[in-house]
Every structure is written in C-alpha cells, then in structure tokens.
Amino acid sequence: MNVKNMMYAAAALVAGFAGVASAATANGAICDTAARVGSTTYYSCSGSSHTALDMSNGTCSEWNHRAMIAGSRYYAYYGGCAANCSGGTTCNGGAGNYYVVTGGSGWDFRQLHLNANTSSGSKTCDGCALGLVGSTGNSTGAHVHADNRQYGTRKSAWYTSKGTTCGSSAYCGNVVGYPTL
C-alpha cells in the first residue's frame, strides 16, 4: 500500500469513528395542543445569544416533556438538580436536568430544564416521555429549552429553516425543526 492510499484509509477510519452528520426531524417537546414556542434567537446587550427554542404550555411538573428527535435515539441524561418551577439556579452550569442526543462531526441536540423525577435516566426511545416540564438551572420559568450545537456552538438553522418562530405550536405532533446529528 502506498503512502497516498494509507492516508485515505486513515482518513476514512477517522471519519467513521467521528461519525457523519445528517439531518434529523424534531417534533415539539410537549404533548399539549396549547404548547407554544416562547422564544427563539435573541441577542443581549452583552452580545450573548439564545439561539434555541423555548417551549411551554404554562405548567410545571406535568409529565409531558417528550423526546423531540423522530426515530429511535439514545438520550443521555445529566441530572442531579432538585425539582424547581421558578429557576434561577446554576445547577449543571445553568442547564439544570437535561438530555443530550449526540451525533457525528461534533453535533448534538440538547433538551434542558427538566424537573427531577424517579424515571429520569438515559434511555433509547422515539418520542417517549423524558420527564416533567420544569425550570431547573438558569431558567425564568417552566419550559423546555432545545438547542442544536456543533462543537459547543449553538446553531439556529435547525429551526429557522423550518420557519419556526415565537408563537409557533410546540405540540409533540408538529415538526419544529431539522437538527443536524
């Protein structure tokens, strides 16, 4: 095998290990027809950006926070925060109790601020209930925060390409975006 072929083989091995990113479909996070998107992308005076969807139906501790990615996916759970409906804590760096679906090429999809409950934990599922809508972490009230990141940087194309804006339905039967995984 010549050097050029060895380099191609090594690159293919690394690409296979890192995974190849692909588009997914994300449905609303709450199985209540009253659920709505409350915020999308905004920039504060400090220059920070939200670049995510916040979805709520105006309730807390209701068992209706759903896995958003269509198809069977592995949801890794990061917990340890006490149940909270008013927010304002820095548990888990401000994320509160949350789930992450990891994709290829540095992509992931996160759902934040769940209340702690006895059935929280990592799981593989399609649209299953992940837990109670909450406000754990740095949050201003009960809602689900969902973002798509590549190497830690939030991206907005996953929901803006769908046309999801403030006031859009966040019902679990409706598509809210197409995250990259």
Protein backbone atom coordinates (compact mmCIF):
# COMPACT_ATOMS: atom_id res chain seq x y z
CA MET A 1 0.00 0.00 0.00
CA ASN A 2 1.46 3.36 -0.97
CA VAL A 3 1.51 6.45 1.29
CA LYS A 4 -1.43 8.09 -0.51
CA ASN A 5 -3.66 5.01 -0.03
CA MET A 6 -2.61 4.76 3.63
CA MET A 7 -3.61 8.39 4.14
CA TYR A 8 -7.02 7.77 2.53
CA ALA A 9 -7.51 4.68 4.69
CA ALA A 10 -6.58 6.60 7.85
CA ALA A 11 -8.93 9.46 6.92
CA ALA A 12 -11.76 7.00 6.30
CA LEU A 13 -11.12 5.36 9.67
CA VAL A 14 -11.18 8.71 11.48
CA ALA A 15 -14.32 9.81 9.61
CA GLY A 16 -16.01 6.54 10.52
CA PHE A 17 -15.04 6.94 14.17
CA ALA A 18 -16.18 10.56 14.35
CA GLY A 19 -19.43 9.78 12.56
CA VAL A 20 -21.02 11.59 9.68
CA ALA A 21 -23.54 14.30 10.45
CA SER A 22 -27.00 14.01 8.94
CA ALA A 23 -30.32 15.83 9.19
CA ALA A 24 -32.93 14.71 11.70
CA THR A 25 -36.51 15.79 12.39
CA ALA A 26 -37.52 17.39 15.70
CA ASN A 27 -41.10 17.47 16.91
CA GLY A 28 -42.45 19.76 19.60
CA ALA A 29 -41.44 18.88 23.14
CA ILE A 30 -44.82 18.97 24.91
CA CYS A 31 -47.89 16.83 24.21
CA ASP A 32 -50.43 19.57 24.84
CA THR A 33 -52.07 21.44 21.96
CA ALA A 34 -51.67 24.69 23.95
CA ALA A 35 -47.85 24.38 23.94
CA ARG A 36 -46.15 27.25 22.13
CA VAL A 37 -42.67 28.49 21.29
CA GLY A 38 -41.96 31.36 23.68
CA SER A 39 -38.53 32.45 22.44
CA THR A 40 -36.08 31.78 19.65
CA THR A 41 -32.90 33.69 18.79
CA TYR A 42 -32.13 36.94 20.52
CA TYR A 43 -29.02 38.87 21.47
CA SER A 44 -28.46 40.61 24.78
CA CYS A 45 -26.54 43.83 25.30
CA SER A 46 -23.56 41.74 26.42
CA GLY A 47 -23.52 40.08 22.99
CA SER A 48 -24.68 36.65 24.16
CA SER A 49 -27.14 34.78 22.00
CA HIS A 50 -30.01 32.48 22.99
CA THR A 51 -30.16 30.64 19.61
CA ALA A 52 -32.61 27.97 20.78
CA LEU A 53 -36.31 27.23 21.11
CA ASP A 54 -38.02 27.68 24.48
CA MET A 55 -41.35 25.84 24.56
CA SER A 56 -44.05 25.83 27.23
CA ASN A 57 -47.68 25.13 27.93
CA GLY A 58 -47.72 27.26 31.08
CA THR A 59 -47.40 24.35 33.51
CA CYS A 60 -44.71 22.91 35.74
CA SER A 61 -44.20 19.35 36.97
CA GLU A 62 -46.53 17.97 34.30
CA TRP A 63 -45.47 14.63 32.81
CA ASN A 64 -45.31 15.69 29.18
CA HIS A 65 -41.72 16.61 28.29
CA ARG A 66 -41.08 14.39 25.24
CA ALA A 67 -38.06 13.20 23.33
CA MET A 68 -38.07 15.51 20.31
CA ILE A 69 -35.97 13.69 17.67
CA ALA A 70 -38.03 11.44 15.39
CA GLY A 71 -36.78 7.86 15.32
CA SER A 72 -35.17 5.75 17.98
CA ARG A 73 -32.30 7.72 19.55
CA TYR A 74 -30.15 7.42 22.65
CA TYR A 75 -30.86 10.22 25.16
CA ALA A 76 -28.05 10.66 27.70
CA TYR A 77 -29.37 12.13 30.96
CA TYR A 78 -27.48 14.67 33.06
CA GLY A 79 -29.27 15.23 36.36
CA GLY A 80 -28.67 15.90 39.99
CA CYS A 81 -30.68 19.11 40.27
CA ALA A 82 -33.61 19.43 42.67
CA ALA A 83 -37.07 19.98 41.19
CA ASN A 84 -37.69 23.66 40.55
CA CYS A 85 -40.51 25.62 38.92
CA SER A 86 -39.10 29.13 39.23
CA GLY A 87 -35.50 28.72 38.01
CA GLY A 88 -32.62 30.97 38.87
CA THR A 89 -30.11 28.30 39.92
CA THR A 90 -26.83 27.39 38.27
CA CYS A 91 -27.13 23.62 38.57
CA ASN A 92 -25.18 21.83 35.80
CA GLY A 93 -23.78 25.14 34.55
CA GLY A 94 -27.29 26.59 34.18
CA ALA A 95 -28.68 23.69 32.12
CA GLY A 96 -30.46 22.07 35.06
CA ASN A 97 -31.51 18.47 34.44
CA TYR A 98 -31.12 17.76 30.74
CA TYR A 99 -30.82 15.23 27.91
CA VAL A 100 -28.34 15.11 25.02
CA VAL A 101 -28.55 13.20 21.74
CA THR A 102 -25.05 13.01 20.26
CA GLY A 103 -24.48 12.91 16.51
CA GLY A 104 -21.45 12.89 14.23
CA SER A 105 -18.91 15.60 13.44
CA GLY A 106 -19.30 17.32 16.81
CA TRP A 107 -23.09 17.77 16.62
CA ASP A 108 -25.53 17.29 19.48
CA PHE A 109 -29.12 18.16 20.38
CA ARG A 110 -29.98 19.17 23.93
CA GLN A 111 -33.25 19.47 25.89
CA LEU A 112 -32.84 21.41 29.16
CA HIS A 113 -34.56 22.38 32.42
CA LEU A 114 -36.48 19.17 33.29
CA ASN A 115 -37.66 18.68 36.85
CA ALA A 116 -36.03 15.73 38.58
CA ASN A 117 -38.23 12.66 38.79
CA THR A 118 -37.90 8.98 39.58
CA SER A 119 -37.92 7.82 35.97
CA SER A 120 -35.27 10.23 34.69
CA GLY A 121 -32.26 8.49 33.25
CA SER A 122 -30.55 7.71 29.98
CA LYS A 123 -32.75 5.83 27.53
CA THR A 124 -33.23 4.89 23.89
CA CYS A 125 -36.64 5.82 22.55
CA ASP A 126 -38.76 7.52 19.88
CA GLY A 127 -40.93 10.34 21.23
CA CYS A 128 -41.08 8.82 24.71
CA ALA A 129 -41.74 10.87 27.83
CA LEU A 130 -38.43 12.12 29.20
CA GLY A 131 -39.81 13.67 32.36
CA LEU A 132 -41.56 16.58 33.96
CA VAL A 133 -41.53 20.07 32.48
CA GLY A 134 -39.51 22.19 34.87
CA SER A 135 -37.32 25.18 35.41
CA THR A 136 -34.12 23.69 36.80
CA GLY A 137 -30.89 25.56 36.15
CA ASN A 138 -30.64 29.13 34.92
CA SER A 139 -34.23 29.46 33.83
CA THR A 140 -37.01 32.03 34.24
CA GLY A 141 -39.98 29.66 34.45
CA ALA A 142 -41.22 26.22 33.46
CA HIS A 143 -40.31 25.40 29.86
CA VAL A 144 -38.27 23.13 27.62
CA HIS A 145 -35.14 24.68 26.07
CA ALA A 146 -33.93 22.87 22.93
CA ASP A 147 -30.76 23.65 21.02
CA ASN A 148 -28.58 22.12 18.31
CA ARG A 149 -24.82 22.58 18.69
CA GLN A 150 -21.70 21.82 16.77
CA TYR A 151 -18.59 21.61 18.93
CA GLY A 152 -20.46 23.58 21.63
CA THR A 153 -21.63 26.46 19.39
CA ARG A 154 -25.40 26.85 19.13
CA LYS A 155 -26.85 26.94 15.63
CA SER A 156 -30.24 28.34 14.63
CA ALA A 157 -30.64 26.83 11.16
CA TRP A 158 -32.28 23.73 12.66
CA TYR A 159 -35.50 25.67 13.40
CA THR A 160 -35.23 28.76 11.16
CA SER A 161 -35.09 26.52 8.05
CA LYS A 162 -38.50 25.14 9.14
CA GLY A 163 -39.83 28.65 9.73
CA THR A 164 -40.48 28.13 13.45
CA THR A 165 -40.92 31.48 15.22
CA CYS A 166 -42.29 32.78 18.52
CA GLY A 167 -45.88 31.68 18.91
CA SER A 168 -45.48 28.58 16.71
CA SER A 169 -47.01 25.37 18.01
CA ALA A 170 -44.71 23.28 20.23
CA TYR A 171 -47.13 20.33 20.27
CA CYS A 172 -45.38 16.94 20.10
CA GLY A 173 -47.24 16.03 16.91
CA ASN A 174 -45.83 19.01 14.96
CA VAL A 175 -42.38 19.39 13.39
CA VAL A 176 -40.48 22.36 14.83
CA GLY A 177 -37.16 21.87 13.04
CA TYR A 178 -34.49 19.75 11.39
CA PRO A 179 -31.44 19.47 13.66
CA THR A 180 -28.13 18.14 12.41
CA LEU A 181 -26.91 14.99 14.14
